[in-house]
């Protein structure tokens, strides 16, 4: 159930939606960056293993 927000219902709802969208964007950005860093580390590890053998 949604509480009665009175005259500011639109602004409050918009603030919640904006906050959730920003949080989702941050989660996607962190996941994407983690994926890129993991790929970079794999490439570096492969390169280092080639030179040491």
N, C-alpha and C. Protein backbone atom coordinates (compact mmCIF):
# COMPACT_ATOMS: atom_id res chain seq x y z
N UNK A 1 0.83 -1.19 0.00
CA UNK A 1 0.00 0.00 0.00
C UNK A 1 0.87 1.25 0.00
N UNK A 2 0.46 2.19 -0.77
CA UNK A 2 1.21 3.45 -0.85
C UNK A 2 0.60 4.46 0.12
N UNK A 3 1.43 5.10 0.93
CA UNK A 3 0.90 6.09 1.87
C UNK A 3 0.42 7.33 1.12
N UNK A 4 -0.44 8.08 1.76
CA UNK A 4 -0.94 9.32 1.17
C UNK A 4 0.18 10.36 1.24
N UNK A 5 0.67 10.77 0.08
CA UNK A 5 1.78 11.73 0.03
C UNK A 5 1.31 13.16 -0.16
N UNK A 6 0.05 13.34 -0.32
CA UNK A 6 -0.51 14.68 -0.43
C UNK A 6 -0.14 15.37 -1.73
N UNK A 7 0.11 16.65 -1.62
CA UNK A 7 0.37 17.48 -2.79
C UNK A 7 1.72 17.20 -3.43
N UNK A 8 2.60 16.52 -2.72
CA UNK A 8 3.95 16.27 -3.22
C UNK A 8 4.15 14.86 -3.75
N UNK A 9 3.07 14.16 -4.01
CA UNK A 9 3.15 12.76 -4.45
C UNK A 9 3.99 12.62 -5.72
N UNK A 10 3.81 13.49 -6.68
CA UNK A 10 4.56 13.41 -7.94
C UNK A 10 6.05 13.59 -7.70
N UNK A 11 6.41 14.60 -6.94
CA UNK A 11 7.82 14.88 -6.68
C UNK A 11 8.49 13.75 -5.89
N UNK A 12 7.80 13.23 -4.91
CA UNK A 12 8.36 12.15 -4.09
C UNK A 12 8.52 10.88 -4.92
N UNK A 13 7.50 10.55 -5.70
CA UNK A 13 7.57 9.37 -6.56
C UNK A 13 8.69 9.52 -7.58
N UNK A 14 8.83 10.69 -8.16
CA UNK A 14 9.90 10.95 -9.12
C UNK A 14 11.27 10.82 -8.46
N UNK A 15 11.39 11.28 -7.22
CA UNK A 15 12.66 11.17 -6.50
C UNK A 15 13.01 9.69 -6.26
N UNK A 16 12.03 8.88 -5.88
CA UNK A 16 12.27 7.45 -5.68
C UNK A 16 12.67 6.77 -6.99
N UNK A 17 11.96 7.08 -8.06
CA UNK A 17 12.27 6.47 -9.36
C UNK A 17 13.67 6.88 -9.81
N UNK A 18 14.02 8.14 -9.65
CA UNK A 18 15.34 8.62 -10.03
C UNK A 18 16.42 7.93 -9.20
N UNK A 19 16.19 7.80 -7.91
CA UNK A 19 17.17 7.14 -7.04
C UNK A 19 17.36 5.68 -7.44
N UNK A 20 16.29 4.98 -7.72
CA UNK A 20 16.39 3.58 -8.13
C UNK A 20 17.10 3.44 -9.47
N UNK A 21 16.83 4.36 -10.40
CA UNK A 21 17.49 4.32 -11.70
C UNK A 21 18.99 4.57 -11.55
N UNK A 22 19.35 5.51 -10.70
CA UNK A 22 20.77 5.80 -10.47
C UNK A 22 21.46 4.62 -9.79
N UNK A 23 20.79 3.98 -8.87
CA UNK A 23 21.35 2.81 -8.20
C UNK A 23 21.54 1.67 -9.19
N UNK A 24 20.56 1.45 -10.06
CA UNK A 24 20.68 0.41 -11.08
C UNK A 24 21.84 0.73 -12.04
N UNK A 25 21.97 1.99 -12.43
CA UNK A 25 23.07 2.40 -13.29
C UNK A 25 24.42 2.17 -12.64
N UNK A 26 24.52 2.47 -11.36
CA UNK A 26 25.77 2.27 -10.63
C UNK A 26 26.11 0.79 -10.54
N UNK A 27 25.11 -0.04 -10.28
CA UNK A 27 25.35 -1.49 -10.22
C UNK A 27 25.82 -2.00 -11.57
N UNK A 28 25.20 -1.57 -12.65
CA UNK A 28 25.62 -1.99 -13.99
C UNK A 28 27.03 -1.51 -14.31
N UNK A 29 27.35 -0.29 -13.92
CA UNK A 29 28.68 0.26 -14.18
C UNK A 29 29.75 -0.54 -13.43
N UNK A 30 29.49 -0.86 -12.17
CA UNK A 30 30.44 -1.63 -11.36
C UNK A 30 30.61 -3.03 -11.95
N UNK A 31 29.52 -3.66 -12.34
CA UNK A 31 29.59 -5.00 -12.94
C UNK A 31 30.39 -4.95 -14.25
N UNK A 32 30.12 -3.95 -15.08
CA UNK A 32 30.83 -3.82 -16.36
C UNK A 32 32.32 -3.57 -16.14
N UNK A 33 32.65 -2.71 -15.21
CA UNK A 33 34.06 -2.43 -14.93
C UNK A 33 34.76 -3.66 -14.37
N UNK A 34 34.09 -4.40 -13.52
CA UNK A 34 34.67 -5.63 -12.99
C UNK A 34 34.95 -6.63 -14.08
N UNK A 35 34.04 -6.73 -15.04
CA UNK A 35 34.22 -7.64 -16.17
C UNK A 35 35.44 -7.23 -17.00
N UNK A 36 35.57 -5.92 -17.26
CA UNK A 36 36.72 -5.43 -18.04
C UNK A 36 38.03 -5.67 -17.31
N UNK A 37 38.05 -5.42 -16.00
CA UNK A 37 39.27 -5.63 -15.22
C UNK A 37 39.64 -7.11 -15.22
N UNK A 38 38.65 -7.97 -15.08
CA UNK A 38 38.91 -9.41 -15.09
C UNK A 38 39.52 -9.83 -16.41
N UNK A 39 38.98 -9.32 -17.52
CA UNK A 39 39.52 -9.65 -18.83
C UNK A 39 40.95 -9.12 -18.98
N UNK A 40 41.21 -7.94 -18.47
CA UNK A 40 42.56 -7.38 -18.53
C UNK A 40 43.54 -8.22 -17.73
N UNK A 41 43.12 -8.68 -16.56
CA UNK A 41 44.00 -9.51 -15.74
C UNK A 41 44.27 -10.85 -16.40
N UNK A 42 43.27 -11.43 -17.04
CA UNK A 42 43.47 -12.69 -17.75
C UNK A 42 44.48 -12.49 -18.88
N UNK A 43 44.34 -11.40 -19.63
CA UNK A 43 45.26 -11.11 -20.73
C UNK A 43 46.68 -10.91 -20.20
N UNK A 44 46.81 -10.18 -19.10
CA UNK A 44 48.12 -9.93 -18.51
C UNK A 44 48.75 -11.23 -18.02
N UNK A 45 47.94 -12.05 -17.36
CA UNK A 45 48.43 -13.33 -16.87
C UNK A 45 48.90 -14.22 -18.02
N UNK A 46 48.15 -14.24 -19.10
CA UNK A 46 48.53 -15.03 -20.27
C UNK A 46 49.84 -14.52 -20.86
N UNK A 47 49.96 -13.21 -20.97
CA UNK A 47 51.18 -12.61 -21.50
C UNK A 47 52.38 -12.91 -20.63
N UNK A 48 52.21 -12.83 -19.31
CA UNK A 48 53.31 -13.11 -18.39
C UNK A 48 53.70 -14.58 -18.42
N UNK A 49 52.73 -15.46 -18.52
CA UNK A 49 53.02 -16.90 -18.57
C UNK A 49 53.77 -17.27 -19.85
N UNK A 50 53.47 -16.59 -20.95
CA UNK A 50 54.17 -16.87 -22.20
C UNK A 50 55.64 -16.49 -22.13
N UNK A 51 55.93 -15.38 -21.45
CA UNK A 51 57.31 -14.89 -21.41
C UNK A 51 58.15 -15.68 -20.41
N UNK A 52 57.55 -16.28 -19.40
CA UNK A 52 58.32 -16.99 -18.40
C UNK A 52 58.59 -18.45 -18.78
N UNK A 53 57.87 -18.96 -19.74
CA UNK A 53 58.06 -20.37 -20.12
C UNK A 53 59.04 -20.54 -21.23
